[in-house]
């Protein structure tokens, strides 16, 4: 079997653009992958053009070899933008492998170690309308969700760290009071706070027992987690902005986090994510896979988590809008609180390409937050 080409599809998704890659072969088997970095899709598209040409004519079943070629052959190691392109192609190759052999991808990784994968849901924005937000929490629990995720609040396009700190502490305790002790709560700081505020926030919500606090500080200097680790008892999660096993190793091997937020669509695909999962196992770090994307990354995360003993939970932002969902001929089955095992060959997700080609979508520019003095800060 040989790779004959690739096709990029861009689909409108919640005001943004979903970028999918379909890889074709001379035996009529195709695979599908997704780009994780939506905010810089034009840059990723250039990487896909280059890497797609690089692997055309190659055997798609040589996933490890092709990953090494894509990651290393440019002399400069791939990082984020390029690993998002590698991830989309790599996941598509695993999809081809599973289809060619007639088995789901998790069977190629050793078979399932669990019957389903727990997942958590986003409560959404709107924290400033506190009664409505708390009612949304109650409604999700009533639907059957047992893990709720929400982020620290801010005011429109201004983020005052001290105000965000105070509101975040207040919000977390209010949600805990509303949903009770049996529901797990995840607070996403989204790298918005500097270390002093992040530390205070973590310490002030300890008594409300968060499942984990996500991205409490920025990702550029992971060693800063050493300070948080020493001074707070909340479980810490990080990694959604990391591109490789080498970046994850800095936090895993020093045991500075409890949950690794591996994004299969950013961190080099399933080939790399499987190695990161193995590293997590050696240090008792759990997988909490990141996916604010779509059904393709939900499917690849599911395959990884079904086979990994380190897996704890995967992210589920929301079901696709009706129009977009109709384009998928098959996709993972999500019920409140879990993603169900699939026995379909490959990833267990596919799309009607003919209908999808009718769409063109542009990725949105992310919000640009300012501090009260006008300086830029993370969204």
Foldseek 3Di string as FASTA:
>chain_A
DFWAFKDWFWFDFPNFTWIKMWIADPVGFIFIFTQDPRQPVVLLVVLLVVLRVVRGGHDLQPLVVSLCCQQPVVVDGDWQSNLLSLLGSSLGSLLSVQVVVFWESLVVLPFFPDQWFFAEEELDDDVVVVVVSLVSLVVLVVLPAQEYEYEQDADDQARALVVSLVRLLVSLVVSCVSPDDRGAYEYEPQQFHDVVSLLVSQASCVVSQHPEYENSHDLPDVVVLVVSQVRHDGAYEYACNGAALVSLCVCQVVVSHQEYAAQLSGNNHPVGVLVNLVSNVVRNRAYAYEDPHAQNSVLSVRSSQRNGPRYHYYYDHDHTDPVVVVQKPWGWDDGRGTTGDDGGGGSGIDGNVVVSVVDDGHGDNDRWHAYPVGHTGGD
